[in-house]
N, C-alpha and C. Protein backbone atom coordinates (compact mmCIF):
# COMPACT_ATOMS: atom_id res chain seq x y z
N UNK A 1 0.83 -1.16 0.00
CA UNK A 1 -0.06 0.06 0.05
C UNK A 1 0.88 1.31 0.04
N UNK A 2 2.13 1.13 0.29
CA UNK A 2 2.93 2.34 0.49
C UNK A 2 3.78 2.43 -0.81
N UNK A 3 3.38 1.79 -1.87
CA UNK A 3 4.14 1.88 -3.12
C UNK A 3 3.43 2.87 -4.12
N UNK A 4 4.27 3.44 -4.95
CA UNK A 4 3.68 4.44 -5.88
C UNK A 4 2.72 3.80 -6.81
N UNK A 5 2.97 2.55 -7.20
CA UNK A 5 2.02 1.79 -8.08
C UNK A 5 0.67 1.57 -7.55
N UNK A 6 0.70 1.30 -6.21
CA UNK A 6 -0.66 1.11 -5.52
C UNK A 6 -1.44 2.40 -5.68
N UNK A 7 -0.88 3.55 -5.40
CA UNK A 7 -1.63 4.76 -5.48
C UNK A 7 -2.03 5.13 -6.87
N UNK A 8 -1.17 4.81 -7.85
CA UNK A 8 -1.54 5.05 -9.15
C UNK A 8 -2.82 4.21 -9.66
N UNK A 9 -2.72 2.91 -9.14
CA UNK A 9 -3.83 2.02 -9.54
C UNK A 9 -5.13 2.51 -8.91
N UNK A 10 -5.01 2.96 -7.53
CA UNK A 10 -6.20 3.37 -6.83
C UNK A 10 -6.74 4.63 -7.41
N UNK A 11 -5.86 5.64 -7.79
CA UNK A 11 -6.30 6.83 -8.43
C UNK A 11 -6.98 6.57 -9.72
N UNK A 12 -6.41 5.62 -10.51
CA UNK A 12 -7.05 5.27 -11.79
C UNK A 12 -8.46 4.76 -11.64
N UNK A 13 -8.57 3.84 -10.60
CA UNK A 13 -9.87 3.29 -10.43
C UNK A 13 -10.94 4.30 -9.86
N UNK A 14 -10.42 5.21 -9.02
CA UNK A 14 -11.31 6.28 -8.58
C UNK A 14 -11.81 7.25 -9.56
N UNK A 15 -10.88 7.56 -10.56
CA UNK A 15 -11.29 8.41 -11.63
C UNK A 15 -12.27 7.67 -12.58
N UNK A 16 -11.99 6.44 -12.81
CA UNK A 16 -12.98 5.67 -13.74
C UNK A 16 -14.33 5.59 -13.02
N UNK A 17 -14.28 5.30 -11.73
CA UNK A 17 -15.56 5.14 -10.92
C UNK A 17 -16.36 6.59 -11.00
N UNK A 18 -15.61 7.64 -10.80
CA UNK A 18 -16.27 8.96 -10.90
C UNK A 18 -16.91 9.18 -12.22
N UNK A 19 -16.14 8.85 -13.23
CA UNK A 19 -16.72 9.09 -14.66
C UNK A 19 -17.88 8.25 -14.89
N UNK A 20 -17.84 7.00 -14.42
CA UNK A 20 -19.05 6.08 -14.63
C UNK A 20 -20.24 6.60 -13.86
N UNK A 21 -20.05 7.03 -12.65
CA UNK A 21 -21.16 7.52 -11.85
C UNK A 21 -21.70 8.84 -12.52
N UNK A 22 -20.81 9.73 -13.02
CA UNK A 22 -21.22 10.95 -13.60
C UNK A 22 -22.12 10.64 -14.89
N UNK A 23 -21.67 9.69 -15.65
CA UNK A 23 -22.40 9.32 -16.91
C UNK A 23 -23.78 8.72 -16.51
N UNK A 24 -23.78 7.86 -15.45
CA UNK A 24 -25.02 7.27 -15.00
C UNK A 24 -25.97 8.28 -14.52
N UNK A 25 -25.48 9.21 -13.71
CA UNK A 25 -26.25 10.25 -13.03
C UNK A 25 -26.89 11.20 -14.11
N UNK A 26 -26.06 11.54 -15.07
CA UNK A 26 -26.55 12.37 -16.18
C UNK A 26 -27.56 11.64 -17.07
N UNK A 27 -27.32 10.40 -17.30
CA UNK A 27 -28.23 9.59 -18.06
C UNK A 27 -29.57 9.32 -17.34
N UNK A 28 -29.46 9.16 -16.12
CA UNK A 28 -30.66 8.92 -15.30
C UNK A 28 -31.58 10.13 -15.28
N UNK A 29 -30.99 11.33 -15.23
CA UNK A 29 -31.70 12.60 -15.16
C UNK A 29 -32.25 12.98 -16.51
N UNK A 30 -31.60 12.46 -17.59
CA UNK A 30 -31.97 12.76 -18.96
C UNK A 30 -32.25 14.18 -19.27
N UNK A 31 -31.30 15.04 -18.68
CA UNK A 31 -31.39 16.36 -18.88
C UNK A 31 -30.46 16.81 -19.96
N UNK A 32 -30.72 18.05 -20.55
CA UNK A 32 -29.82 18.59 -21.55
C UNK A 32 -28.51 19.03 -20.82
N UNK A 33 -27.54 19.29 -21.69
CA UNK A 33 -26.28 19.57 -21.14
C UNK A 33 -26.27 20.90 -20.29
N UNK A 34 -27.08 21.95 -20.64
CA UNK A 34 -27.24 23.03 -19.88
C UNK A 34 -28.17 23.00 -18.73
N UNK A 35 -29.01 21.95 -18.80
CA UNK A 35 -30.05 21.80 -17.72
C UNK A 35 -29.63 20.84 -16.55
N UNK A 36 -28.43 20.30 -16.80
CA UNK A 36 -27.96 19.21 -15.76
C UNK A 36 -27.63 19.91 -14.45
N UNK A 37 -27.88 19.15 -13.40
CA UNK A 37 -27.47 19.62 -12.04
C UNK A 37 -26.09 19.26 -11.87
N UNK A 38 -25.16 20.08 -12.32
CA UNK A 38 -23.73 19.78 -12.27
C UNK A 38 -23.14 19.74 -10.91
N UNK A 39 -23.74 20.44 -10.02
CA UNK A 39 -23.36 20.30 -8.60
C UNK A 39 -23.68 19.01 -7.99
N UNK A 40 -24.81 18.54 -8.30
CA UNK A 40 -25.27 17.22 -7.80
C UNK A 40 -24.42 16.10 -8.51
N UNK A 41 -24.23 16.16 -9.78
CA UNK A 41 -23.35 15.23 -10.45
C UNK A 41 -22.00 15.18 -9.90
N UNK A 42 -21.32 16.33 -9.61
CA UNK A 42 -20.02 16.39 -9.03
C UNK A 42 -20.03 15.81 -7.61
N UNK A 43 -21.09 16.05 -6.87
CA UNK A 43 -21.13 15.66 -5.41
C UNK A 43 -21.21 14.13 -5.42
N UNK A 44 -22.07 13.44 -6.24
CA UNK A 44 -22.28 12.12 -6.25
C UNK A 44 -21.02 11.44 -6.78
N UNK A 45 -20.43 12.01 -7.90
CA UNK A 45 -19.25 11.42 -8.50
C UNK A 45 -18.02 11.46 -7.52
N UNK A 46 -17.97 12.57 -6.80
CA UNK A 46 -16.84 12.75 -5.83
C UNK A 46 -16.95 11.79 -4.67
N UNK A 47 -18.14 11.59 -4.22
CA UNK A 47 -18.38 10.57 -3.12
C UNK A 47 -17.93 9.20 -3.67
N UNK A 48 -18.44 8.92 -4.91
CA UNK A 48 -18.03 7.51 -5.39
C UNK A 48 -16.55 7.45 -5.56
N UNK A 49 -15.76 8.43 -5.98
CA UNK A 49 -14.39 8.39 -6.02
C UNK A 49 -13.76 8.15 -4.64
N UNK A 50 -14.21 8.82 -3.69
CA UNK A 50 -13.72 8.66 -2.24
C UNK A 50 -13.94 7.26 -1.80
N UNK A 51 -15.14 6.72 -2.05
CA UNK A 51 -15.46 5.37 -1.62
C UNK A 51 -14.58 4.34 -2.43
N UNK A 52 -14.27 4.67 -3.64
CA UNK A 52 -13.38 3.82 -4.38
C UNK A 52 -12.01 3.71 -3.81
N UNK A 53 -11.41 4.91 -3.40
CA UNK A 53 -10.13 4.99 -2.76
C UNK A 53 -10.21 4.24 -1.42
N UNK A 54 -11.22 4.43 -0.72
CA UNK A 54 -11.33 3.71 0.66
C UNK A 54 -11.41 2.19 0.44
N UNK A 55 -12.11 1.79 -0.61
CA UNK A 55 -12.20 0.32 -0.94
C UNK A 55 -10.78 -0.22 -1.21
N UNK A 56 -9.96 0.53 -2.07
CA UNK A 56 -8.67 0.10 -2.40
C UNK A 56 -7.76 0.00 -1.08
N UNK A 57 -7.90 0.97 -0.20
CA UNK A 57 -7.11 0.97 0.96
C UNK A 57 -7.49 -0.19 1.91
N UNK A 58 -8.85 -0.41 1.96
CA UNK A 58 -9.32 -1.46 2.86
C UNK A 58 -8.91 -2.86 2.33
N UNK A 59 -8.83 -3.00 1.04
CA UNK A 59 -8.46 -4.27 0.42
C UNK A 59 -7.01 -4.51 0.12
N UNK A 60 -6.21 -3.55 0.55
CA UNK A 60 -4.83 -3.63 0.29
C UNK A 60 -4.12 -4.89 0.82
N UNK A 61 -4.42 -5.34 1.97
CA UNK A 61 -3.75 -6.61 2.46
C UNK A 61 -4.17 -7.82 1.67
N UNK A 62 -5.19 -7.79 0.85
CA UNK A 62 -5.66 -9.09 0.33
C UNK A 62 -4.99 -9.48 -1.04
N UNK A 63 -4.40 -8.67 -1.85
CA UNK A 63 -3.94 -9.03 -3.13
C UNK A 63 -2.43 -8.77 -3.21
N UNK A 64 -2.00 -8.38 -4.32
CA UNK A 64 -0.62 -8.04 -4.54
C UNK A 64 -0.27 -6.72 -3.79
N UNK A 65 0.72 -6.74 -2.94
CA UNK A 65 1.05 -5.64 -2.14
C UNK A 65 1.51 -4.36 -2.92
N UNK A 66 1.92 -4.57 -4.16
CA UNK A 66 2.37 -3.46 -5.00
C UNK A 66 1.25 -2.79 -5.77
N UNK A 67 0.05 -3.46 -5.77
CA UNK A 67 -1.02 -2.82 -6.49
C UNK A 67 -2.25 -2.62 -5.66
N UNK A 68 -3.28 -2.03 -6.25
CA UNK A 68 -4.52 -1.81 -5.51
C UNK A 68 -5.50 -2.95 -5.87
N UNK A 69 -5.10 -3.98 -6.55
CA UNK A 69 -5.90 -5.06 -6.93
C UNK A 69 -6.02 -6.10 -5.84
N UNK A 70 -7.22 -6.79 -5.62
CA UNK A 70 -7.25 -7.87 -4.68
C UNK A 70 -7.00 -9.16 -5.34
N UNK A 71 -6.78 -9.12 -6.70
CA UNK A 71 -6.46 -10.32 -7.44
C UNK A 71 -4.96 -10.44 -7.41
N UNK A 72 -4.42 -11.58 -6.99
CA UNK A 72 -2.98 -11.82 -6.94
C UNK A 72 -2.40 -11.66 -8.39
N UNK A 73 -1.22 -11.19 -8.47
CA UNK A 73 -0.56 -11.16 -9.69
C UNK A 73 -0.28 -12.59 -10.26
N UNK A 74 -0.46 -12.67 -11.70
CA UNK A 74 -0.32 -14.02 -12.19
C UNK A 74 1.15 -14.49 -12.06
N UNK A 75 1.34 -15.74 -11.89
CA UNK A 75 2.69 -16.40 -11.89
C UNK A 75 3.15 -16.51 -13.34
N UNK A 76 4.37 -16.06 -13.63
CA UNK A 76 4.84 -16.26 -14.97
C UNK A 76 5.62 -17.57 -15.03
N UNK A 77 5.23 -18.32 -16.04
CA UNK A 77 5.99 -19.60 -16.34
C UNK A 77 7.29 -19.23 -16.86
N UNK A 78 8.25 -19.89 -16.39
CA UNK A 78 9.64 -19.51 -16.91
C UNK A 78 10.36 -20.68 -17.13
């Protein structure tokens, strides 16, 4: 968890989560671009990003210690 790669992975997931939630929120409201509640979209997306980061931190001991993934790194046949 104290590796640079872990935080890069966690940040990438948080950004993707925020983008997905923003798209879902805008789609659910079916508003035009100028009519959208951008404060609400930003609020919900920001919360989702924070929850994503917290999930990565909470699951850090479960997978590969160098990444934010809970899935162990594959073993390379050599």
